N, C-alpha and C. Protein backbone atom coordinates (compact mmCIF):
# COMPACT_ATOMS: atom_id res chain seq x y z
N MET A 1 80.41 114.37 41.12
CA MET A 1 80.54 113.00 41.56
C MET A 1 81.90 112.72 42.18
N THR A 2 82.92 113.36 41.69
CA THR A 2 84.24 113.09 42.25
C THR A 2 84.38 113.63 43.67
N GLY A 3 83.62 114.65 44.02
CA GLY A 3 83.69 115.20 45.39
C GLY A 3 83.22 114.21 46.41
N ALA A 4 82.22 113.36 46.10
CA ALA A 4 81.75 112.40 47.10
C ALA A 4 82.81 111.30 47.32
N GLY A 5 83.51 110.89 46.29
CA GLY A 5 84.55 109.87 46.44
C GLY A 5 85.70 110.38 47.28
N VAL A 6 86.07 111.66 47.10
CA VAL A 6 87.17 112.23 47.88
C VAL A 6 86.76 112.34 49.34
N THR A 7 85.54 112.72 49.64
CA THR A 7 85.09 112.83 51.01
C THR A 7 85.08 111.50 51.70
N ARG A 8 84.63 110.49 51.03
CA ARG A 8 84.58 109.16 51.63
C ARG A 8 85.98 108.63 51.89
N ARG A 9 86.88 108.87 50.96
CA ARG A 9 88.22 108.36 51.10
C ARG A 9 89.01 109.08 52.17
N SER A 10 88.71 110.35 52.40
CA SER A 10 89.44 111.13 53.40
C SER A 10 89.10 110.69 54.82
N LYS A 11 88.03 109.93 55.03
CA LYS A 11 87.70 109.43 56.35
C LYS A 11 88.55 108.24 56.77
N TRP A 12 89.13 107.52 55.81
CA TRP A 12 89.89 106.33 56.14
C TRP A 12 91.12 106.62 57.03
N PRO A 13 91.93 107.63 56.74
CA PRO A 13 93.08 107.91 57.62
C PRO A 13 92.61 108.21 59.06
N PHE A 14 91.55 108.95 59.19
CA PHE A 14 91.05 109.28 60.52
C PHE A 14 90.60 108.04 61.23
N LEU A 15 89.90 107.16 60.56
CA LEU A 15 89.44 105.88 61.21
C LEU A 15 90.66 104.98 61.54
N ALA A 16 91.62 104.94 60.65
CA ALA A 16 92.79 104.11 60.91
C ALA A 16 93.60 104.60 62.13
N TRP A 17 93.79 105.93 62.19
CA TRP A 17 94.49 106.48 63.36
C TRP A 17 93.70 106.27 64.64
N GLY A 18 92.38 106.43 64.52
CA GLY A 18 91.55 106.24 65.70
C GLY A 18 91.61 104.79 66.22
N LEU A 19 91.56 103.84 65.28
CA LEU A 19 91.64 102.44 65.64
C LEU A 19 93.02 102.12 66.26
N ALA A 20 94.08 102.65 65.65
CA ALA A 20 95.41 102.40 66.18
C ALA A 20 95.55 102.98 67.59
N ALA A 21 95.02 104.16 67.82
CA ALA A 21 95.07 104.76 69.14
C ALA A 21 94.27 103.96 70.16
N ALA A 22 93.14 103.43 69.74
CA ALA A 22 92.34 102.63 70.65
C ALA A 22 93.05 101.33 71.02
N VAL A 23 93.68 100.70 70.08
CA VAL A 23 94.42 99.46 70.33
C VAL A 23 95.60 99.75 71.29
N LEU A 24 96.32 100.82 71.04
CA LEU A 24 97.43 101.17 71.94
C LEU A 24 96.96 101.50 73.34
N LEU A 25 95.82 102.15 73.46
CA LEU A 25 95.27 102.47 74.78
C LEU A 25 94.88 101.22 75.53
N VAL A 26 94.28 100.24 74.84
CA VAL A 26 93.93 98.99 75.48
C VAL A 26 95.17 98.23 75.91
N VAL A 27 96.20 98.17 75.10
CA VAL A 27 97.42 97.47 75.46
C VAL A 27 98.10 98.15 76.66
N ALA A 28 98.14 99.48 76.67
CA ALA A 28 98.75 100.23 77.79
C ALA A 28 97.96 99.98 79.08
N ALA A 29 96.63 99.98 78.96
CA ALA A 29 95.81 99.78 80.15
C ALA A 29 96.00 98.35 80.71
N ALA A 30 96.08 97.38 79.82
CA ALA A 30 96.32 95.99 80.27
C ALA A 30 97.65 95.86 80.95
N ASN A 31 98.68 96.46 80.42
CA ASN A 31 100.02 96.39 81.03
C ASN A 31 100.03 97.09 82.35
N ALA A 32 99.36 98.26 82.46
CA ALA A 32 99.30 98.94 83.72
C ALA A 32 98.57 98.11 84.76
N HIS A 33 97.51 97.43 84.37
CA HIS A 33 96.79 96.56 85.31
C HIS A 33 97.67 95.43 85.77
N LEU A 34 98.44 94.81 84.90
CA LEU A 34 99.32 93.73 85.26
C LEU A 34 100.41 94.21 86.25
N VAL A 35 100.96 95.38 86.04
CA VAL A 35 101.95 95.90 86.93
C VAL A 35 101.33 96.22 88.28
N TYR A 36 100.13 96.79 88.31
CA TYR A 36 99.41 97.05 89.57
C TYR A 36 99.16 95.78 90.38
N VAL A 37 98.68 94.74 89.70
CA VAL A 37 98.39 93.48 90.37
C VAL A 37 99.66 92.85 90.91
N ALA A 38 100.75 92.92 90.14
CA ALA A 38 102.02 92.36 90.61
C ALA A 38 102.55 93.11 91.82
N MET A 39 102.36 94.38 91.88
CA MET A 39 102.88 95.16 93.03
C MET A 39 101.97 95.07 94.23
N ALA A 40 100.64 94.99 93.99
CA ALA A 40 99.70 95.02 95.13
C ALA A 40 99.48 93.67 95.79
N SER A 41 99.72 92.61 95.09
CA SER A 41 99.42 91.29 95.66
C SER A 41 100.64 90.74 96.34
N GLN A 42 100.46 90.14 97.48
CA GLN A 42 101.53 89.50 98.19
C GLN A 42 100.99 88.15 98.68
N PRO A 43 101.39 87.09 98.04
CA PRO A 43 100.84 85.78 98.43
C PRO A 43 101.31 85.43 99.84
N GLU A 44 100.41 84.80 100.55
CA GLU A 44 100.75 84.35 101.93
C GLU A 44 101.67 83.13 101.89
N CYS A 45 102.26 82.85 102.97
CA CYS A 45 103.17 81.71 103.03
C CYS A 45 102.39 80.40 102.85
N VAL A 46 102.95 79.51 102.09
CA VAL A 46 102.38 78.20 101.88
C VAL A 46 103.39 77.16 102.30
N ALA A 47 102.91 75.99 102.61
CA ALA A 47 103.83 74.90 103.02
C ALA A 47 104.71 74.53 101.84
N HIS A 48 106.00 74.46 102.05
CA HIS A 48 106.95 74.08 101.02
C HIS A 48 108.13 73.40 101.66
N LEU A 49 108.92 72.76 100.84
CA LEU A 49 110.13 72.08 101.33
C LEU A 49 111.14 73.12 101.81
N LYS A 50 111.79 72.83 102.89
CA LYS A 50 112.85 73.75 103.37
C LYS A 50 114.22 73.37 102.80
N GLU A 51 114.43 72.10 102.47
CA GLU A 51 115.65 71.64 101.84
C GLU A 51 115.33 71.16 100.45
N ALA A 52 116.34 71.06 99.62
CA ALA A 52 116.14 70.57 98.25
C ALA A 52 115.67 69.11 98.28
N GLY A 53 114.66 68.80 97.49
CA GLY A 53 114.14 67.43 97.44
C GLY A 53 115.01 66.53 96.60
N SER A 54 114.92 65.23 96.91
CA SER A 54 115.74 64.28 96.13
C SER A 54 114.98 63.60 95.02
N ARG A 55 113.62 63.71 95.03
CA ARG A 55 112.78 63.09 93.99
C ARG A 55 112.37 64.11 92.95
N ALA A 56 111.99 63.63 91.78
CA ALA A 56 111.54 64.55 90.73
C ALA A 56 110.25 65.21 91.14
N GLY A 57 110.12 66.46 90.91
CA GLY A 57 108.88 67.20 91.24
C GLY A 57 108.89 67.82 92.62
N GLU A 58 109.94 67.63 93.38
CA GLU A 58 110.10 68.25 94.71
C GLU A 58 110.93 69.50 94.56
N PHE A 59 110.27 70.64 94.76
CA PHE A 59 111.00 71.92 94.59
C PHE A 59 110.81 72.70 95.89
N ARG A 60 111.69 73.63 96.10
CA ARG A 60 111.60 74.51 97.24
C ARG A 60 111.74 75.95 96.78
N ALA A 61 111.37 76.87 97.61
CA ALA A 61 111.46 78.27 97.26
C ALA A 61 112.95 78.69 97.20
N ALA A 62 113.29 79.52 96.27
CA ALA A 62 114.66 79.94 96.14
C ALA A 62 115.09 80.78 97.35
N LYS A 63 114.20 81.73 97.76
CA LYS A 63 114.42 82.56 98.89
C LYS A 63 113.08 82.63 99.66
N PRO A 64 112.81 81.71 100.59
CA PRO A 64 111.55 81.77 101.27
C PRO A 64 111.43 83.05 102.11
N ALA A 65 110.24 83.66 102.09
CA ALA A 65 110.01 84.90 102.82
C ALA A 65 109.47 84.64 104.20
N CYS A 66 109.19 83.38 104.53
CA CYS A 66 108.66 83.10 105.87
C CYS A 66 109.32 81.90 106.48
């Protein structure tokens, strides 16, 4: 009877390491996707203020690309 308990308990470290590896893989894949999207996307020019606004909520681009 003690052999069955040992066999069942020995699976827990394997499952824990497998779950930890899966979580790390998902986090790494999500970060890689975010880096890819940040590098691949280039927003087109939009209308914005060219000079600093005098009213609240009027912002301009720090370094306009267009």
